[in-house]
N, C-alpha and C. Protein backbone atom coordinates (compact mmCIF):
# COMPACT_ATOMS: atom_id res chain seq x y z
N UNK A 1 -7.42 5.10 -19.95
CA UNK A 1 -6.61 6.29 -20.13
C UNK A 1 -5.39 5.95 -20.95
N UNK A 2 -4.91 6.95 -21.63
CA UNK A 2 -3.76 6.73 -22.48
C UNK A 2 -2.45 7.07 -21.80
N UNK A 3 -1.40 6.91 -22.54
CA UNK A 3 -0.06 7.18 -22.03
C UNK A 3 0.08 8.63 -21.58
N UNK A 4 -0.46 9.56 -22.35
CA UNK A 4 -0.36 10.97 -22.00
C UNK A 4 -0.96 11.23 -20.62
N UNK A 5 -2.14 10.64 -20.37
CA UNK A 5 -2.80 10.85 -19.08
C UNK A 5 -1.99 10.25 -17.95
N UNK A 6 -1.42 9.06 -18.17
CA UNK A 6 -0.62 8.43 -17.12
C UNK A 6 0.61 9.26 -16.79
N UNK A 7 1.20 9.89 -17.81
CA UNK A 7 2.41 10.67 -17.58
C UNK A 7 2.13 12.09 -17.08
N UNK A 8 1.07 12.70 -17.60
CA UNK A 8 0.82 14.11 -17.29
C UNK A 8 -0.58 14.36 -16.71
N UNK A 9 -1.26 13.32 -16.33
CA UNK A 9 -2.64 13.44 -15.89
C UNK A 9 -2.84 13.68 -14.41
N UNK A 10 -1.80 14.11 -13.73
CA UNK A 10 -1.94 14.43 -12.32
C UNK A 10 -2.33 13.21 -11.49
N UNK A 11 -3.22 13.44 -10.54
CA UNK A 11 -3.62 12.38 -9.61
C UNK A 11 -4.29 11.22 -10.34
N UNK A 12 -5.14 11.50 -11.31
CA UNK A 12 -5.80 10.42 -12.05
C UNK A 12 -4.80 9.60 -12.85
N UNK A 13 -3.81 10.25 -13.42
CA UNK A 13 -2.78 9.53 -14.15
C UNK A 13 -1.96 8.63 -13.23
N UNK A 14 -1.67 9.13 -12.04
CA UNK A 14 -0.93 8.36 -11.06
C UNK A 14 -1.73 7.12 -10.65
N UNK A 15 -3.02 7.31 -10.38
CA UNK A 15 -3.88 6.17 -10.01
C UNK A 15 -3.91 5.13 -11.12
N UNK A 16 -4.08 5.59 -12.34
CA UNK A 16 -4.17 4.66 -13.47
C UNK A 16 -2.85 3.92 -13.67
N UNK A 17 -1.75 4.61 -13.55
CA UNK A 17 -0.45 3.97 -13.71
C UNK A 17 -0.25 2.89 -12.64
N UNK A 18 -0.68 3.17 -11.43
CA UNK A 18 -0.55 2.18 -10.35
C UNK A 18 -1.44 0.96 -10.60
N UNK A 19 -2.66 1.18 -11.05
CA UNK A 19 -3.54 0.05 -11.35
C UNK A 19 -2.93 -0.84 -12.44
N UNK A 20 -2.42 -0.21 -13.48
CA UNK A 20 -1.82 -0.97 -14.58
C UNK A 20 -0.56 -1.71 -14.13
N UNK A 21 0.24 -1.07 -13.31
CA UNK A 21 1.45 -1.71 -12.81
C UNK A 21 1.08 -2.90 -11.93
N UNK A 22 0.08 -2.72 -11.09
CA UNK A 22 -0.39 -3.83 -10.25
C UNK A 22 -0.80 -5.01 -11.13
N UNK A 23 -1.62 -4.75 -12.13
CA UNK A 23 -2.11 -5.83 -13.01
C UNK A 23 -0.96 -6.54 -13.71
N UNK A 24 0.01 -5.78 -14.17
CA UNK A 24 1.16 -6.36 -14.86
C UNK A 24 1.93 -7.31 -13.92
N UNK A 25 2.18 -6.85 -12.70
CA UNK A 25 2.93 -7.66 -11.74
C UNK A 25 2.11 -8.86 -11.25
N UNK A 26 0.84 -8.67 -11.02
CA UNK A 26 -0.01 -9.78 -10.57
C UNK A 26 -0.14 -10.84 -11.66
N UNK A 27 -0.25 -10.40 -12.90
CA UNK A 27 -0.35 -11.34 -14.02
C UNK A 27 0.93 -12.17 -14.13
N UNK A 28 2.06 -11.52 -14.01
CA UNK A 28 3.34 -12.22 -14.05
C UNK A 28 3.42 -13.25 -12.93
N UNK A 29 2.96 -12.89 -11.75
CA UNK A 29 2.97 -13.81 -10.61
C UNK A 29 2.05 -15.01 -10.86
N UNK A 30 0.88 -14.76 -11.44
CA UNK A 30 -0.05 -15.86 -11.76
C UNK A 30 0.58 -16.80 -12.78
N UNK A 31 1.18 -16.23 -13.80
CA UNK A 31 1.80 -17.04 -14.85
C UNK A 31 2.98 -17.85 -14.32
N UNK A 32 3.63 -17.34 -13.30
CA UNK A 32 4.78 -18.03 -12.71
C UNK A 32 4.36 -19.02 -11.62
N UNK A 33 3.07 -19.06 -11.33
CA UNK A 33 2.57 -19.99 -10.30
C UNK A 33 2.90 -19.57 -8.88
N UNK A 34 3.11 -18.29 -8.65
CA UNK A 34 3.44 -17.80 -7.31
C UNK A 34 2.23 -17.94 -6.39
N UNK A 35 2.51 -18.06 -5.10
CA UNK A 35 1.46 -18.25 -4.10
C UNK A 35 0.51 -17.08 -3.97
N UNK A 36 1.03 -15.89 -4.02
CA UNK A 36 0.19 -14.71 -3.78
C UNK A 36 0.37 -13.65 -4.87
N UNK A 37 -0.33 -13.81 -5.98
CA UNK A 37 -0.22 -12.80 -7.04
C UNK A 37 -0.62 -11.41 -6.56
N UNK A 38 -1.58 -11.34 -5.64
CA UNK A 38 -2.02 -10.04 -5.13
C UNK A 38 -0.87 -9.34 -4.40
N UNK A 39 -0.20 -10.05 -3.52
CA UNK A 39 0.92 -9.46 -2.77
C UNK A 39 2.03 -9.03 -3.73
N UNK A 40 2.33 -9.87 -4.71
CA UNK A 40 3.36 -9.55 -5.70
C UNK A 40 2.94 -8.33 -6.52
N UNK A 41 1.65 -8.24 -6.86
CA UNK A 41 1.15 -7.09 -7.61
C UNK A 41 1.31 -5.79 -6.83
N UNK A 42 0.96 -5.82 -5.55
CA UNK A 42 1.10 -4.63 -4.71
C UNK A 42 2.57 -4.24 -4.58
N UNK A 43 3.41 -5.23 -4.30
CA UNK A 43 4.84 -4.97 -4.13
C UNK A 43 5.45 -4.41 -5.42
N UNK A 44 5.12 -5.05 -6.53
CA UNK A 44 5.67 -4.61 -7.81
C UNK A 44 5.23 -3.20 -8.19
N UNK A 45 3.96 -2.90 -7.94
CA UNK A 45 3.44 -1.57 -8.29
C UNK A 45 4.11 -0.48 -7.46
N UNK A 46 4.15 -0.68 -6.14
CA UNK A 46 4.76 0.33 -5.28
C UNK A 46 6.26 0.41 -5.52
N UNK A 47 6.91 -0.74 -5.67
CA UNK A 47 8.35 -0.74 -5.92
C UNK A 47 8.71 -0.06 -7.23
N UNK A 48 7.92 -0.29 -8.26
CA UNK A 48 8.17 0.35 -9.55
C UNK A 48 8.03 1.86 -9.44
N UNK A 49 7.03 2.29 -8.69
CA UNK A 49 6.82 3.73 -8.52
C UNK A 49 8.00 4.35 -7.77
N UNK A 50 8.48 3.63 -6.76
CA UNK A 50 9.64 4.13 -6.01
C UNK A 50 10.87 4.21 -6.91
N UNK A 51 11.07 3.19 -7.73
CA UNK A 51 12.21 3.21 -8.64
C UNK A 51 12.11 4.39 -9.60
N UNK A 52 10.92 4.64 -10.12
CA UNK A 52 10.72 5.76 -11.04
C UNK A 52 11.02 7.10 -10.37
N UNK A 53 10.75 7.16 -9.07
CA UNK A 53 11.01 8.39 -8.31
C UNK A 53 12.42 8.41 -7.72
N UNK A 54 13.21 7.38 -8.04
CA UNK A 54 14.58 7.23 -7.55
C UNK A 54 14.63 7.15 -6.02
N UNK A 55 13.67 6.46 -5.44
CA UNK A 55 13.65 6.22 -4.00
C UNK A 55 14.16 4.80 -3.74
N UNK A 56 14.76 4.58 -2.60
CA UNK A 56 15.26 3.23 -2.32
C UNK A 56 14.10 2.23 -2.15
N UNK A 57 14.34 1.02 -2.62
CA UNK A 57 13.38 -0.07 -2.46
C UNK A 57 14.05 -1.08 -1.54
N UNK A 58 13.71 -1.02 -0.27
CA UNK A 58 14.26 -1.92 0.74
C UNK A 58 13.17 -2.94 1.05
N UNK A 59 13.45 -4.21 0.74
CA UNK A 59 12.41 -5.23 0.78
C UNK A 59 11.66 -5.27 2.12
N UNK A 60 12.36 -5.32 3.23
CA UNK A 60 11.69 -5.41 4.53
C UNK A 60 10.78 -4.21 4.79
N UNK A 61 11.25 -3.04 4.42
CA UNK A 61 10.45 -1.82 4.61
C UNK A 61 9.25 -1.82 3.67
N UNK A 62 9.47 -2.29 2.44
CA UNK A 62 8.36 -2.35 1.47
C UNK A 62 7.24 -3.25 1.99
N UNK A 63 7.59 -4.44 2.49
CA UNK A 63 6.54 -5.34 2.99
C UNK A 63 5.83 -4.72 4.18
N UNK A 64 6.58 -4.04 5.04
CA UNK A 64 5.95 -3.35 6.18
C UNK A 64 5.00 -2.26 5.69
N UNK A 65 5.43 -1.53 4.69
CA UNK A 65 4.60 -0.46 4.15
C UNK A 65 3.34 -1.01 3.49
N UNK A 66 3.42 -2.20 2.96
CA UNK A 66 2.26 -2.82 2.30
C UNK A 66 1.28 -3.49 3.26
N UNK A 67 1.63 -3.59 4.53
CA UNK A 67 0.79 -4.34 5.48
C UNK A 67 -0.68 -3.94 5.48
N UNK A 68 -1.06 -2.67 5.51
CA UNK A 68 -2.50 -2.38 5.52
C UNK A 68 -3.18 -2.79 4.22
N UNK A 69 -2.48 -2.69 3.11
CA UNK A 69 -3.07 -3.02 1.81
C UNK A 69 -3.23 -4.52 1.64
N UNK A 70 -2.32 -5.27 2.25
CA UNK A 70 -2.42 -6.73 2.24
C UNK A 70 -3.57 -7.21 3.13
N UNK A 71 -3.92 -6.42 4.13
CA UNK A 71 -5.00 -6.78 5.05
C UNK A 71 -6.39 -6.47 4.47
N UNK A 72 -6.44 -5.70 3.41
CA UNK A 72 -7.71 -5.32 2.78
C UNK A 72 -8.17 -6.39 1.80
N UNK A 73 -9.44 -6.32 1.44
CA UNK A 73 -9.92 -7.15 0.34
C UNK A 73 -9.16 -6.74 -0.90
N UNK A 74 -8.97 -7.68 -1.81
CA UNK A 74 -8.09 -7.45 -2.95
C UNK A 74 -8.45 -6.18 -3.74
N UNK A 75 -9.69 -6.04 -4.15
CA UNK A 75 -10.09 -4.88 -4.97
C UNK A 75 -9.88 -3.57 -4.21
N UNK A 76 -10.17 -3.61 -2.93
CA UNK A 76 -10.00 -2.44 -2.08
C UNK A 76 -8.51 -2.10 -1.95
N UNK A 77 -7.68 -3.13 -1.78
CA UNK A 77 -6.24 -2.93 -1.66
C UNK A 77 -5.63 -2.30 -2.90
N UNK A 78 -6.12 -2.70 -4.07
CA UNK A 78 -5.61 -2.14 -5.32
C UNK A 78 -5.94 -0.65 -5.41
N UNK A 79 -7.18 -0.31 -5.12
CA UNK A 79 -7.57 1.11 -5.17
C UNK A 79 -6.85 1.92 -4.10
N UNK A 80 -6.68 1.30 -2.92
CA UNK A 80 -6.02 2.02 -1.83
C UNK A 80 -4.55 2.26 -2.12
N UNK A 81 -3.85 1.28 -2.73
CA UNK A 81 -2.43 1.50 -3.03
C UNK A 81 -2.28 2.58 -4.10
N UNK A 82 -3.24 2.64 -5.03
CA UNK A 82 -3.20 3.71 -6.04
C UNK A 82 -3.39 5.07 -5.37
N UNK A 83 -4.33 5.14 -4.44
CA UNK A 83 -4.58 6.41 -3.74
C UNK A 83 -3.42 6.76 -2.82
N UNK A 84 -2.82 5.76 -2.22
CA UNK A 84 -1.67 5.96 -1.34
C UNK A 84 -0.52 6.61 -2.11
N UNK A 85 -0.33 6.19 -3.33
CA UNK A 85 0.72 6.79 -4.15
C UNK A 85 0.41 8.25 -4.44
N UNK A 86 -0.86 8.55 -4.71
CA UNK A 86 -1.26 9.95 -4.89
C UNK A 86 -0.98 10.71 -3.59
N UNK A 87 -1.31 10.10 -2.45
CA UNK A 87 -1.08 10.72 -1.15
C UNK A 87 0.40 11.06 -0.96
N UNK A 88 1.28 10.16 -1.41
CA UNK A 88 2.71 10.40 -1.27
C UNK A 88 3.22 11.49 -2.22
N UNK A 89 2.70 11.49 -3.44
CA UNK A 89 3.24 12.37 -4.47
C UNK A 89 2.49 13.69 -4.62
N UNK A 90 1.20 13.67 -4.35
CA UNK A 90 0.36 14.85 -4.54
C UNK A 90 -0.67 14.91 -3.40
N UNK A 91 -0.23 15.09 -2.17
CA UNK A 91 -1.13 14.97 -1.02
C UNK A 91 -2.41 15.82 -1.12
N UNK A 92 -2.31 16.98 -1.70
CA UNK A 92 -3.50 17.84 -1.77
C UNK A 92 -4.55 17.27 -2.73
N UNK A 93 -4.15 16.37 -3.63
CA UNK A 93 -5.09 15.76 -4.58
C UNK A 93 -5.62 14.40 -4.12
N UNK A 94 -5.10 13.91 -3.01
CA UNK A 94 -5.49 12.58 -2.53
C UNK A 94 -6.80 12.64 -1.75
N UNK A 95 -7.53 11.53 -1.83
CA UNK A 95 -8.75 11.38 -1.03
C UNK A 95 -8.29 10.87 0.35
N UNK A 96 -7.79 11.79 1.14
CA UNK A 96 -7.13 11.44 2.40
C UNK A 96 -8.07 10.82 3.42
N UNK A 97 -9.26 11.33 3.57
CA UNK A 97 -10.17 10.77 4.57
C UNK A 97 -10.58 9.35 4.21
N UNK A 98 -10.81 9.10 2.93
CA UNK A 98 -11.15 7.75 2.47
C UNK A 98 -9.98 6.81 2.74
N UNK A 99 -8.78 7.24 2.38
CA UNK A 99 -7.59 6.43 2.59
C UNK A 99 -7.33 6.21 4.08
N UNK A 100 -7.49 7.25 4.86
CA UNK A 100 -7.30 7.15 6.31
C UNK A 100 -8.23 6.09 6.90
N UNK A 101 -9.49 6.12 6.51
CA UNK A 101 -10.47 5.15 7.04
C UNK A 101 -10.09 3.72 6.65
N UNK A 102 -9.71 3.52 5.39
CA UNK A 102 -9.34 2.17 4.94
C UNK A 102 -8.12 1.64 5.69
N UNK A 103 -7.10 2.46 5.79
CA UNK A 103 -5.86 2.01 6.45
C UNK A 103 -6.10 1.73 7.92
N UNK A 104 -6.81 2.61 8.60
CA UNK A 104 -7.08 2.39 10.02
C UNK A 104 -7.93 1.15 10.24
N UNK A 105 -8.95 0.96 9.44
CA UNK A 105 -9.79 -0.24 9.58
C UNK A 105 -8.98 -1.51 9.33
N UNK A 106 -8.12 -1.49 8.33
CA UNK A 106 -7.32 -2.66 7.99
C UNK A 106 -6.33 -3.00 9.11
N UNK A 107 -5.75 -2.00 9.73
CA UNK A 107 -4.74 -2.25 10.75
C UNK A 107 -5.32 -2.50 12.14
N UNK A 108 -6.56 -2.14 12.36
CA UNK A 108 -7.18 -2.40 13.67
C UNK A 108 -7.46 -3.87 13.87
N UNK A 109 -7.81 -4.55 12.81
CA UNK A 109 -8.19 -5.96 12.94
C UNK A 109 -7.76 -6.75 11.71
N UNK A 110 -6.45 -6.89 11.50
CA UNK A 110 -6.01 -7.64 10.32
C UNK A 110 -6.40 -9.11 10.42
N UNK A 111 -6.66 -9.71 9.28
CA UNK A 111 -7.08 -11.11 9.24
C UNK A 111 -5.94 -12.06 9.59
N UNK A 112 -4.72 -11.59 9.52
CA UNK A 112 -3.54 -12.42 9.75
C UNK A 112 -2.63 -11.69 10.73
N UNK A 113 -2.27 -12.35 11.83
CA UNK A 113 -1.45 -11.68 12.84
C UNK A 113 -0.07 -11.29 12.32
N UNK A 114 0.42 -11.96 11.28
CA UNK A 114 1.72 -11.59 10.73
C UNK A 114 1.66 -10.19 10.11
N UNK A 115 0.47 -9.75 9.69
CA UNK A 115 0.34 -8.40 9.15
C UNK A 115 0.53 -7.35 10.24
N UNK A 116 0.16 -7.69 11.46
CA UNK A 116 0.40 -6.78 12.58
C UNK A 116 1.89 -6.61 12.80
N UNK A 117 2.62 -7.71 12.71
CA UNK A 117 4.07 -7.65 12.86
C UNK A 117 4.67 -6.77 11.76
N UNK A 118 4.17 -6.93 10.54
CA UNK A 118 4.64 -6.08 9.44
C UNK A 118 4.32 -4.61 9.71
N UNK A 119 3.12 -4.36 10.24
CA UNK A 119 2.71 -2.98 10.52
C UNK A 119 3.63 -2.33 11.54
N UNK A 120 4.10 -3.10 12.51
CA UNK A 120 5.06 -2.57 13.48
C UNK A 120 6.31 -2.08 12.74
N UNK A 121 6.74 -2.84 11.73
CA UNK A 121 7.87 -2.42 10.91
C UNK A 121 7.59 -1.11 10.20
N UNK A 122 6.36 -0.94 9.75
CA UNK A 122 5.97 0.32 9.13
C UNK A 122 6.04 1.47 10.10
N UNK A 123 5.56 1.24 11.32
CA UNK A 123 5.63 2.28 12.35
C UNK A 123 7.08 2.62 12.68
N UNK A 124 7.91 1.59 12.81
CA UNK A 124 9.32 1.82 13.16
C UNK A 124 10.05 2.60 12.06
N UNK A 125 9.67 2.38 10.82
CA UNK A 125 10.32 3.06 9.71
C UNK A 125 9.61 4.35 9.29
N UNK A 126 8.56 4.70 10.02
CA UNK A 126 7.80 5.92 9.75
C UNK A 126 7.42 6.05 8.27
N UNK A 127 6.80 4.98 7.73
CA UNK A 127 6.33 5.03 6.35
C UNK A 127 5.22 6.07 6.25
N UNK A 128 4.88 6.45 5.05
CA UNK A 128 3.96 7.57 4.82
C UNK A 128 2.60 7.38 5.48
N UNK A 129 2.08 6.14 5.54
CA UNK A 129 0.74 5.97 6.12
C UNK A 129 0.70 6.23 7.62
N UNK A 130 1.85 6.31 8.28
CA UNK A 130 1.86 6.59 9.72
C UNK A 130 1.15 7.90 10.04
N UNK A 131 1.26 8.87 9.16
CA UNK A 131 0.61 10.16 9.41
C UNK A 131 -0.92 10.07 9.31
N UNK A 132 -1.43 8.96 8.78
CA UNK A 132 -2.88 8.78 8.67
C UNK A 132 -3.47 7.97 9.83
N UNK A 133 -2.63 7.44 10.69
CA UNK A 133 -3.12 6.57 11.76
C UNK A 133 -3.78 7.36 12.88
N UNK A 134 -4.85 6.79 13.37
CA UNK A 134 -5.53 7.34 14.54
C UNK A 134 -4.90 6.73 15.79
N UNK A 135 -4.92 7.43 16.90
CA UNK A 135 -4.34 6.88 18.14
C UNK A 135 -4.92 5.51 18.51
N UNK A 136 -6.20 5.31 18.26
CA UNK A 136 -6.81 4.01 18.60
C UNK A 136 -6.23 2.88 17.75
N UNK A 137 -5.82 3.17 16.54
CA UNK A 137 -5.21 2.15 15.69
C UNK A 137 -3.82 1.80 16.20
N UNK A 138 -3.07 2.80 16.56
CA UNK A 138 -1.73 2.55 17.11
C UNK A 138 -1.85 1.72 18.38
N UNK A 139 -2.82 2.05 19.23
CA UNK A 139 -3.03 1.27 20.46
C UNK A 139 -3.42 -0.17 20.16
N UNK A 140 -4.28 -0.37 19.16
CA UNK A 140 -4.69 -1.73 18.78
C UNK A 140 -3.50 -2.55 18.30
N UNK A 141 -2.64 -1.93 17.52
CA UNK A 141 -1.44 -2.63 17.04
C UNK A 141 -0.54 -2.99 18.21
N UNK A 142 -0.34 -2.03 19.09
CA UNK A 142 0.52 -2.28 20.25
C UNK A 142 -0.04 -3.37 21.15
N UNK A 143 -1.36 -3.40 21.36
CA UNK A 143 -1.99 -4.45 22.16
C UNK A 143 -1.81 -5.82 21.53
N UNK A 144 -1.99 -5.89 20.22
CA UNK A 144 -1.85 -7.16 19.52
C UNK A 144 -0.44 -7.69 19.66
N UNK A 145 0.54 -6.83 19.54
CA UNK A 145 1.93 -7.25 19.65
C UNK A 145 2.23 -7.68 21.09
N UNK A 146 1.67 -6.97 22.05
CA UNK A 146 1.91 -7.32 23.46
C UNK A 146 1.31 -8.68 23.80
N UNK A 147 0.23 -9.06 23.11
CA UNK A 147 -0.43 -10.34 23.36
C UNK A 147 0.32 -11.52 22.76
N UNK A 148 1.18 -11.23 21.80
CA UNK A 148 1.90 -12.31 21.10
C UNK A 148 3.03 -12.85 21.90
């Protein structure tokens, strides 16, 4: 897609802009020898979008908000963060059920317990994905934290 589509292409333009921003940030992280280019790509893409929308970028909240996307397989996380941005900016155009399923599955059984801790931060800050959580997911997160 071209620049026109990214700027005026509605939901598809938003998705494409997020994918490109992710790639730009992940590439920079790889070139710099960073440990997790994927995490840096997700953070950079979402942070850039927030800056463009003149929203605050608070590092601790951003990492908490990224917790479900970090728990996903890389390709899935990239597509999900793009859809998540559509969900935030154009909810009626978002594939909400698809996004809901991915986020809930990722948060029910994250591969790394530190992601559960981050997710608690997301719940505490009422990030946008909180409205997509099923009660069973919230219970799973609470149980995991209680076990720690």
